[in-house]
Full PDB file with SEQRES, HELIX, SHEET, SSBOND, CRYST1, ORIGX, SCALE, CONECT and MASTER records, all heavy atoms in Angstrom:
SEQRES   1 A   31  ILE ALA SER PRO LYS GLY GLY LYS PRO PRO VAL VAL ILE          
SEQRES   2 A   31  ASP ASP ASP ASP MET GLY VAL PHE ASP PHE ALA PHE LEU          
SEQRES   3 A   31  ASN ASP PRO ASP ALA                                          
HELIX    1 AA1 ASP A   15  ASP A   17  5                                   3    
HELIX    2 AA2 VAL A   20  LEU A   26  1                                   7    
CRYST1    1.000    1.000    1.000  90.00  90.00  90.00 P 1           1          
ORIGX1      1.000000  0.000000  0.000000        0.00000                         
ORIGX2      0.000000  1.000000  0.000000        0.00000                         
ORIGX3      0.000000  0.000000  1.000000        0.00000                         
SCALE1      1.000000  0.000000  0.000000        0.00000                         
SCALE2      0.000000  1.000000  0.000000        0.00000                         
SCALE3      0.000000  0.000000  1.000000        0.00000                         
ATOM      1  N   ILE A   1      -2.585   9.724  -5.597  1.00  0.00           N  
ATOM      2  CA  ILE A   1      -3.140   9.285  -4.311  1.00  0.00           C  
ATOM      3  C   ILE A   1      -3.162  10.471  -3.353  1.00  0.00           C  
ATOM      4  O   ILE A   1      -2.159  11.183  -3.197  1.00  0.00           O  
ATOM      5  CB  ILE A   1      -2.319   8.134  -3.709  1.00  0.00           C  
ATOM      6  CG1 ILE A   1      -2.239   6.969  -4.712  1.00  0.00           C  
ATOM      7  CG2 ILE A   1      -2.946   7.651  -2.399  1.00  0.00           C  
ATOM      8  CD1 ILE A   1      -1.329   5.831  -4.278  1.00  0.00           C  
ATOM      9  N   ALA A   2      -4.293  10.677  -2.719  1.00  0.00           N  
ATOM     10  CA  ALA A   2      -4.469  11.777  -1.772  1.00  0.00           C  
ATOM     11  C   ALA A   2      -4.988  11.239  -0.445  1.00  0.00           C  
ATOM     12  O   ALA A   2      -5.466  10.104  -0.351  1.00  0.00           O  
ATOM     13  CB  ALA A   2      -5.445  12.816  -2.335  1.00  0.00           C  
ATOM     14  N   SER A   3      -4.891  12.068   0.594  1.00  0.00           N  
ATOM     15  CA  SER A   3      -5.433  11.725   1.912  1.00  0.00           C  
ATOM     16  C   SER A   3      -5.781  13.020   2.629  1.00  0.00           C  
ATOM     17  O   SER A   3      -5.308  14.099   2.248  1.00  0.00           O  
ATOM     18  CB  SER A   3      -4.402  10.931   2.734  1.00  0.00           C  
ATOM     19  OG  SER A   3      -3.281  11.740   3.037  1.00  0.00           O  
ATOM     20  N   PRO A   4      -6.618  12.958   3.648  1.00  0.00           N  
ATOM     21  CA  PRO A   4      -6.996  14.190   4.354  1.00  0.00           C  
ATOM     22  C   PRO A   4      -5.812  15.008   4.856  1.00  0.00           C  
ATOM     23  O   PRO A   4      -5.805  16.237   4.737  1.00  0.00           O  
ATOM     24  CB  PRO A   4      -7.872  13.676   5.501  1.00  0.00           C  
ATOM     25  CG  PRO A   4      -8.515  12.451   4.926  1.00  0.00           C  
ATOM     26  CD  PRO A   4      -7.425  11.802   4.099  1.00  0.00           C  
ATOM     27  N   LYS A   5      -4.799  14.361   5.396  1.00  0.00           N  
ATOM     28  CA  LYS A   5      -3.658  15.092   5.949  1.00  0.00           C  
ATOM     29  C   LYS A   5      -2.489  15.192   4.981  1.00  0.00           C  
ATOM     30  O   LYS A   5      -1.575  15.990   5.205  1.00  0.00           O  
ATOM     31  CB  LYS A   5      -3.184  14.411   7.240  1.00  0.00           C  
ATOM     32  CG  LYS A   5      -4.156  14.506   8.399  1.00  0.00           C  
ATOM     33  CD  LYS A   5      -3.563  13.842   9.641  1.00  0.00           C  
ATOM     34  CE  LYS A   5      -4.516  13.937  10.831  1.00  0.00           C  
ATOM     35  NZ  LYS A   5      -3.945  13.282  12.040  1.00  0.00           N  
ATOM     36  N   GLY A   6      -2.485  14.406   3.920  1.00  0.00           N  
ATOM     37  CA  GLY A   6      -1.334  14.364   3.037  1.00  0.00           C  
ATOM     38  C   GLY A   6      -0.197  13.574   3.665  1.00  0.00           C  
ATOM     39  O   GLY A   6      -0.297  13.074   4.786  1.00  0.00           O  
ATOM     40  N   GLY A   7       0.902  13.450   2.935  1.00  0.00           N  
ATOM     41  CA  GLY A   7       2.050  12.721   3.463  1.00  0.00           C  
ATOM     42  C   GLY A   7       1.836  11.221   3.468  1.00  0.00           C  
ATOM     43  O   GLY A   7       1.108  10.679   2.642  1.00  0.00           O  
ATOM     44  N   LYS A   8       2.479  10.547   4.434  1.00  0.00           N  
ATOM     45  CA  LYS A   8       2.417   9.090   4.517  1.00  0.00           C  
ATOM     46  C   LYS A   8       1.272   8.652   5.424  1.00  0.00           C  
ATOM     47  O   LYS A   8       1.320   8.858   6.639  1.00  0.00           O  
ATOM     48  CB  LYS A   8       3.743   8.535   5.051  1.00  0.00           C  
ATOM     49  CG  LYS A   8       3.803   7.013   5.057  1.00  0.00           C  
ATOM     50  CD  LYS A   8       5.168   6.518   5.498  1.00  0.00           C  
ATOM     51  CE  LYS A   8       5.249   4.994   5.477  1.00  0.00           C  
ATOM     52  NZ  LYS A   8       6.591   4.500   5.856  1.00  0.00           N  
ATOM     53  N   PRO A   9       0.235   8.032   4.875  1.00  0.00           N  
ATOM     54  CA  PRO A   9      -0.902   7.598   5.690  1.00  0.00           C  
ATOM     55  C   PRO A   9      -0.643   6.242   6.336  1.00  0.00           C  
ATOM     56  O   PRO A   9       0.197   5.477   5.862  1.00  0.00           O  
ATOM     57  CB  PRO A   9      -2.040   7.507   4.673  1.00  0.00           C  
ATOM     58  CG  PRO A   9      -1.347   7.117   3.401  1.00  0.00           C  
ATOM     59  CD  PRO A   9       0.019   7.772   3.439  1.00  0.00           C  
ATOM     60  N   PRO A  10      -1.362   5.925   7.410  1.00  0.00           N  
ATOM     61  CA  PRO A  10      -1.232   4.603   8.033  1.00  0.00           C  
ATOM     62  C   PRO A  10      -1.872   3.532   7.155  1.00  0.00           C  
ATOM     63  O   PRO A  10      -2.831   3.805   6.436  1.00  0.00           O  
ATOM     64  CB  PRO A  10      -1.989   4.767   9.355  1.00  0.00           C  
ATOM     65  CG  PRO A  10      -3.025   5.812   9.047  1.00  0.00           C  
ATOM     66  CD  PRO A  10      -2.363   6.763   8.094  1.00  0.00           C  
ATOM     67  N   VAL A  11      -1.330   2.328   7.210  1.00  0.00           N  
ATOM     68  CA  VAL A  11      -1.814   1.264   6.344  1.00  0.00           C  
ATOM     69  C   VAL A  11      -2.084   0.004   7.152  1.00  0.00           C  
ATOM     70  O   VAL A  11      -1.398  -0.271   8.144  1.00  0.00           O  
ATOM     71  CB  VAL A  11      -0.790   0.979   5.216  1.00  0.00           C  
ATOM     72  CG1 VAL A  11       0.555   0.571   5.793  1.00  0.00           C  
ATOM     73  CG2 VAL A  11      -1.303  -0.084   4.249  1.00  0.00           C  
ATOM     74  N   VAL A  12      -3.070  -0.760   6.728  1.00  0.00           N  
ATOM     75  CA  VAL A  12      -3.379  -2.059   7.321  1.00  0.00           C  
ATOM     76  C   VAL A  12      -3.023  -3.132   6.302  1.00  0.00           C  
ATOM     77  O   VAL A  12      -3.534  -3.130   5.181  1.00  0.00           O  
ATOM     78  CB  VAL A  12      -4.869  -2.167   7.694  1.00  0.00           C  
ATOM     79  CG1 VAL A  12      -5.195  -3.578   8.188  1.00  0.00           C  
ATOM     80  CG2 VAL A  12      -5.240  -1.141   8.748  1.00  0.00           C  
ATOM     81  N   ILE A  13      -2.125  -4.029   6.693  1.00  0.00           N  
ATOM     82  CA  ILE A  13      -1.715  -5.126   5.817  1.00  0.00           C  
ATOM     83  C   ILE A  13      -2.065  -6.441   6.500  1.00  0.00           C  
ATOM     84  O   ILE A  13      -1.534  -6.757   7.560  1.00  0.00           O  
ATOM     85  CB  ILE A  13      -0.205  -5.073   5.520  1.00  0.00           C  
ATOM     86  CG1 ILE A  13       0.150  -3.760   4.808  1.00  0.00           C  
ATOM     87  CG2 ILE A  13       0.214  -6.267   4.675  1.00  0.00           C  
ATOM     88  CD1 ILE A  13       1.633  -3.591   4.528  1.00  0.00           C  
ATOM     89  N   ASP A  14      -2.993  -7.179   5.904  1.00  0.00           N  
ATOM     90  CA  ASP A  14      -3.400  -8.483   6.418  1.00  0.00           C  
ATOM     91  C   ASP A  14      -2.670  -9.555   5.613  1.00  0.00           C  
ATOM     92  O   ASP A  14      -2.948  -9.742   4.426  1.00  0.00           O  
ATOM     93  CB  ASP A  14      -4.916  -8.649   6.286  1.00  0.00           C  
ATOM     94  CG  ASP A  14      -5.434  -9.902   6.971  1.00  0.00           C  
ATOM     95  OD1 ASP A  14      -4.651 -10.860   7.114  1.00  0.00           O  
ATOM     96  OD2 ASP A  14      -6.617  -9.923   7.350  1.00  0.00           O  
ATOM     97  N   ASP A  15      -1.736 -10.243   6.248  1.00  0.00           N  
ATOM     98  CA  ASP A  15      -0.905 -11.226   5.539  1.00  0.00           C  
ATOM     99  C   ASP A  15      -1.730 -12.288   4.828  1.00  0.00           C  
ATOM    100  O   ASP A  15      -1.355 -12.756   3.745  1.00  0.00           O  
ATOM    101  CB  ASP A  15       0.073 -11.896   6.509  1.00  0.00           C  
ATOM    102  CG  ASP A  15       1.160 -10.937   6.993  1.00  0.00           C  
ATOM    103  OD1 ASP A  15       1.365  -9.914   6.329  1.00  0.00           O  
ATOM    104  OD2 ASP A  15       1.770 -11.218   8.042  1.00  0.00           O  
ATOM    105  N   ASP A  16      -2.861 -12.684   5.424  1.00  0.00           N  
ATOM    106  CA  ASP A  16      -3.667 -13.754   4.832  1.00  0.00           C  
ATOM    107  C   ASP A  16      -4.346 -13.321   3.537  1.00  0.00           C  
ATOM    108  O   ASP A  16      -4.744 -14.164   2.731  1.00  0.00           O  
ATOM    109  CB  ASP A  16      -4.737 -14.226   5.827  1.00  0.00           C  
ATOM    110  CG  ASP A  16      -4.131 -14.999   6.992  1.00  0.00           C  
ATOM    111  OD1 ASP A  16      -3.021 -15.536   6.826  1.00  0.00           O  
ATOM    112  OD2 ASP A  16      -4.773 -15.050   8.063  1.00  0.00           O  
ATOM    113  N   ASP A  17      -4.509 -12.011   3.347  1.00  0.00           N  
ATOM    114  CA  ASP A  17      -5.201 -11.503   2.158  1.00  0.00           C  
ATOM    115  C   ASP A  17      -4.253 -11.093   1.045  1.00  0.00           C  
ATOM    116  O   ASP A  17      -4.688 -10.773  -0.059  1.00  0.00           O  
ATOM    117  CB  ASP A  17      -6.069 -10.296   2.530  1.00  0.00           C  
ATOM    118  CG  ASP A  17      -7.222 -10.675   3.445  1.00  0.00           C  
ATOM    119  OD1 ASP A  17      -7.640 -11.845   3.418  1.00  0.00           O  
ATOM    120  OD2 ASP A  17      -7.704  -9.801   4.181  1.00  0.00           O  
ATOM    121  N   MET A  18      -2.963 -11.102   1.308  1.00  0.00           N  
ATOM    122  CA  MET A  18      -1.991 -10.580   0.345  1.00  0.00           C  
ATOM    123  C   MET A  18      -1.827 -11.512  -0.854  1.00  0.00           C  
ATOM    124  O   MET A  18      -1.635 -12.720  -0.707  1.00  0.00           O  
ATOM    125  CB  MET A  18      -0.653 -10.363   1.025  1.00  0.00           C  
ATOM    126  CG  MET A  18      -0.667  -9.271   2.088  1.00  0.00           C  
ATOM    127  SD  MET A  18      -0.807  -7.623   1.384  1.00  0.00           S  
ATOM    128  CE  MET A  18       0.851  -7.415   0.737  1.00  0.00           C  
ATOM    129  N   GLY A  19      -1.886 -10.918  -2.050  1.00  0.00           N  
ATOM    130  CA  GLY A  19      -1.677 -11.660  -3.282  1.00  0.00           C  
ATOM    131  C   GLY A  19      -0.600 -10.994  -4.120  1.00  0.00           C  
ATOM    132  O   GLY A  19       0.053 -10.036  -3.685  1.00  0.00           O  
ATOM    133  N   VAL A  20      -0.424 -11.466  -5.347  1.00  0.00           N  
ATOM    134  CA  VAL A  20       0.676 -10.973  -6.174  1.00  0.00           C  
ATOM    135  C   VAL A  20       0.576  -9.477  -6.460  1.00  0.00           C  
ATOM    136  O   VAL A  20       1.595  -8.773  -6.471  1.00  0.00           O  
ATOM    137  CB  VAL A  20       0.770 -11.768  -7.499  1.00  0.00           C  
ATOM    138  CG1 VAL A  20       1.249 -13.182  -7.237  1.00  0.00           C  
ATOM    139  CG2 VAL A  20      -0.559 -11.771  -8.245  1.00  0.00           C  
ATOM    140  N   PHE A  21      -0.636  -8.981  -6.681  1.00  0.00           N  
ATOM    141  CA  PHE A  21      -0.778  -7.557  -6.990  1.00  0.00           C  
ATOM    142  C   PHE A  21      -0.453  -6.692  -5.773  1.00  0.00           C  
ATOM    143  O   PHE A  21       0.076  -5.588  -5.913  1.00  0.00           O  
ATOM    144  CB  PHE A  21      -2.191  -7.261  -7.493  1.00  0.00           C  
ATOM    145  CG  PHE A  21      -2.444  -7.804  -8.875  1.00  0.00           C  
ATOM    146  CD1 PHE A  21      -3.003  -9.057  -9.051  1.00  0.00           C  
ATOM    147  CD2 PHE A  21      -2.107  -7.074 -10.005  1.00  0.00           C  
ATOM    148  CE1 PHE A  21      -3.226  -9.579 -10.321  1.00  0.00           C  
ATOM    149  CE2 PHE A  21      -2.323  -7.573 -11.282  1.00  0.00           C  
ATOM    150  CZ  PHE A  21      -2.874  -8.826 -11.439  1.00  0.00           C  
ATOM    151  N   ASP A  22      -0.765  -7.195  -4.601  1.00  0.00           N  
ATOM    152  CA  ASP A  22      -0.496  -6.447  -3.379  1.00  0.00           C  
ATOM    153  C   ASP A  22       1.003  -6.373  -3.097  1.00  0.00           C  
ATOM    154  O   ASP A  22       1.526  -5.314  -2.725  1.00  0.00           O  
ATOM    155  CB  ASP A  22      -1.242  -7.094  -2.207  1.00  0.00           C  
ATOM    156  CG  ASP A  22      -2.684  -7.395  -2.566  1.00  0.00           C  
ATOM    157  OD1 ASP A  22      -3.373  -6.468  -3.021  1.00  0.00           O  
ATOM    158  OD2 ASP A  22      -3.106  -8.557  -2.435  1.00  0.00           O  
ATOM    159  N   PHE A  23       1.702  -7.491  -3.297  1.00  0.00           N  
ATOM    160  CA  PHE A  23       3.153  -7.466  -3.111  1.00  0.00           C  
ATOM    161  C   PHE A  23       3.821  -6.636  -4.205  1.00  0.00           C  
ATOM    162  O   PHE A  23       4.813  -5.941  -3.947  1.00  0.00           O  
ATOM    163  CB  PHE A  23       3.712  -8.892  -3.090  1.00  0.00           C  
ATOM    164  CG  PHE A  23       3.448  -9.618  -1.807  1.00  0.00           C  
ATOM    165  CD1 PHE A  23       2.625 -10.736  -1.762  1.00  0.00           C  
ATOM    166  CD2 PHE A  23       4.022  -9.178  -0.616  1.00  0.00           C  
ATOM    167  CE1 PHE A  23       2.385 -11.408  -0.569  1.00  0.00           C  
ATOM    168  CE2 PHE A  23       3.787  -9.844   0.589  1.00  0.00           C  
ATOM    169  CZ  PHE A  23       2.966 -10.955   0.613  1.00  0.00           C  
ATOM    170  N   ALA A  24       3.279  -6.703  -5.422  1.00  0.00           N  
ATOM    171  CA  ALA A  24       3.828  -5.883  -6.504  1.00  0.00           C  
ATOM    172  C   ALA A  24       3.726  -4.404  -6.153  1.00  0.00           C  
ATOM    173  O   ALA A  24       4.645  -3.619  -6.432  1.00  0.00           O  
ATOM    174  CB  ALA A  24       3.100  -6.169  -7.811  1.00  0.00           C  
ATOM    175  N   PHE A  25       2.623  -4.039  -5.528  1.00  0.00           N  
ATOM    176  CA  PHE A  25       2.414  -2.644  -5.109  1.00  0.00           C  
ATOM    177  C   PHE A  25       3.483  -2.230  -4.096  1.00  0.00           C  
ATOM    178  O   PHE A  25       4.031  -1.132  -4.168  1.00  0.00           O  
ATOM    179  CB  PHE A  25       1.012  -2.498  -4.508  1.00  0.00           C  
ATOM    180  CG  PHE A  25       0.617  -1.082  -4.194  1.00  0.00           C  
ATOM    181  CD1 PHE A  25       0.078  -0.262  -5.163  1.00  0.00           C  
ATOM    182  CD2 PHE A  25       0.773  -0.573  -2.908  1.00  0.00           C  
ATOM    183  CE1 PHE A  25      -0.296   1.051  -4.872  1.00  0.00           C  
ATOM    184  CE2 PHE A  25       0.402   0.725  -2.595  1.00  0.00           C  
ATOM    185  CZ  PHE A  25      -0.127   1.544  -3.585  1.00  0.00           C  
ATOM    186  N   LEU A  26       3.792  -3.118  -3.162  1.00  0.00           N  
ATOM    187  CA  LEU A  26       4.815  -2.819  -2.159  1.00  0.00           C  
ATOM    188  C   LEU A  26       6.203  -2.719  -2.785  1.00  0.00           C  
ATOM    189  O   LEU A  26       7.087  -2.040  -2.235  1.00  0.00           O  
ATOM    190  CB  LEU A  26       4.815  -3.895  -1.073  1.00  0.00           C  
ATOM    191  CG  LEU A  26       3.586  -3.964  -0.162  1.00  0.00           C  
ATOM    192  CD1 LEU A  26       3.736  -5.109   0.836  1.00  0.00           C  
ATOM    193  CD2 LEU A  26       3.369  -2.646   0.576  1.00  0.00           C  
ATOM    194  N   ASN A  27       6.393  -3.384  -3.922  1.00  0.00           N  
ATOM    195  CA  ASN A  27       7.694  -3.387  -4.585  1.00  0.00           C  
ATOM    196  C   ASN A  27       7.758  -2.427  -5.770  1.00  0.00           C  
ATOM    197  O   ASN A  27       8.749  -2.423  -6.511  1.00  0.00           O  
ATOM    198  CB  ASN A  27       8.035  -4.802  -5.057  1.00  0.00           C  
ATOM    199  CG  ASN A  27       8.222  -5.773  -3.906  1.00  0.00           C  
ATOM    200  OD1 ASN A  27       8.755  -5.403  -2.862  1.00  0.00           O  
ATOM    201  ND2 ASN A  27       7.772  -7.003  -4.072  1.00  0.00           N  
ATOM    202  N   ASP A  28       6.736  -1.634  -5.949  1.00  0.00           N  
ATOM    203  CA  ASP A  28       6.627  -0.705  -7.078  1.00  0.00           C  
ATOM    204  C   ASP A  28       7.107   0.679  -6.623  1.00  0.00           C  
ATOM    205  O   ASP A  28       6.417   1.357  -5.857  1.00  0.00           O  
ATOM    206  CB  ASP A  28       5.172  -0.651  -7.537  1.00  0.00           C  
ATOM    207  CG  ASP A  28       4.953   0.224  -8.759  1.00  0.00           C  
ATOM    208  OD1 ASP A  28       5.798   1.100  -9.029  1.00  0.00           O  
ATOM    209  OD2 ASP A  28       3.919   0.050  -9.430  1.00  0.00           O  
ATOM    210  N   PRO A  29       8.288   1.129  -7.061  1.00  0.00           N  
ATOM    211  CA  PRO A  29       8.817   2.414  -6.585  1.00  0.00           C  
ATOM    212  C   PRO A  29       7.884   3.595  -6.845  1.00  0.00           C  
ATOM    213  O   PRO A  29       7.744   4.473  -5.985  1.00  0.00           O  
ATOM    214  CB  PRO A  29      10.129   2.562  -7.376  1.00  0.00           C  
ATOM    215  CG  PRO A  29      10.511   1.172  -7.761  1.00  0.00           C  
ATOM    216  CD  PRO A  29       9.213   0.454  -7.987  1.00  0.00           C  
ATOM    217  N   ASP A  30       7.236   3.610  -8.015  1.00  0.00           N  
ATOM    218  CA  ASP A  30       6.343   4.711  -8.343  1.00  0.00           C  
ATOM    219  C   ASP A  30       5.126   4.719  -7.423  1.00  0.00           C  
ATOM    220  O   ASP A  30       4.742   5.764  -6.876  1.00  0.00           O  
ATOM    221  CB  ASP A  30       5.900   4.603  -9.805  1.00  0.00           C  
ATOM    222  CG  ASP A  30       5.059   5.796 -10.241  1.00  0.00           C  
ATOM    223  OD1 ASP A  30       5.510   6.945 -10.028  1.00  0.00           O  
ATOM    224  OD2 ASP A  30       3.965   5.590 -10.793  1.00  0.00           O  
ATOM    225  N   ALA A  31       4.519   3.538  -7.230  1.00  0.00           N  
ATOM    226  CA  ALA A  31       3.353   3.437  -6.348  1.00  0.00           C  
ATOM    227  C   ALA A  31       3.720   3.799  -4.922  1.00  0.00           C  
ATOM    228  O   ALA A  31       2.964   4.502  -4.218  1.00  0.00           O  
ATOM    229  CB  ALA A  31       2.765   2.032  -6.408  1.00  0.00           C  
TER     230      ALA A  31                                                      
MASTER        0    0    0    2    0    0    0    6  229    1    0    3          
END                                                                             
């Protein structure tokens, strides 16, 4: 994963759109 500035980018999390894969991503240490 890359970004223009590198490091930790800002993220938008919409609770109404969150599903199992999205929560898995948040709980995935490698990701």
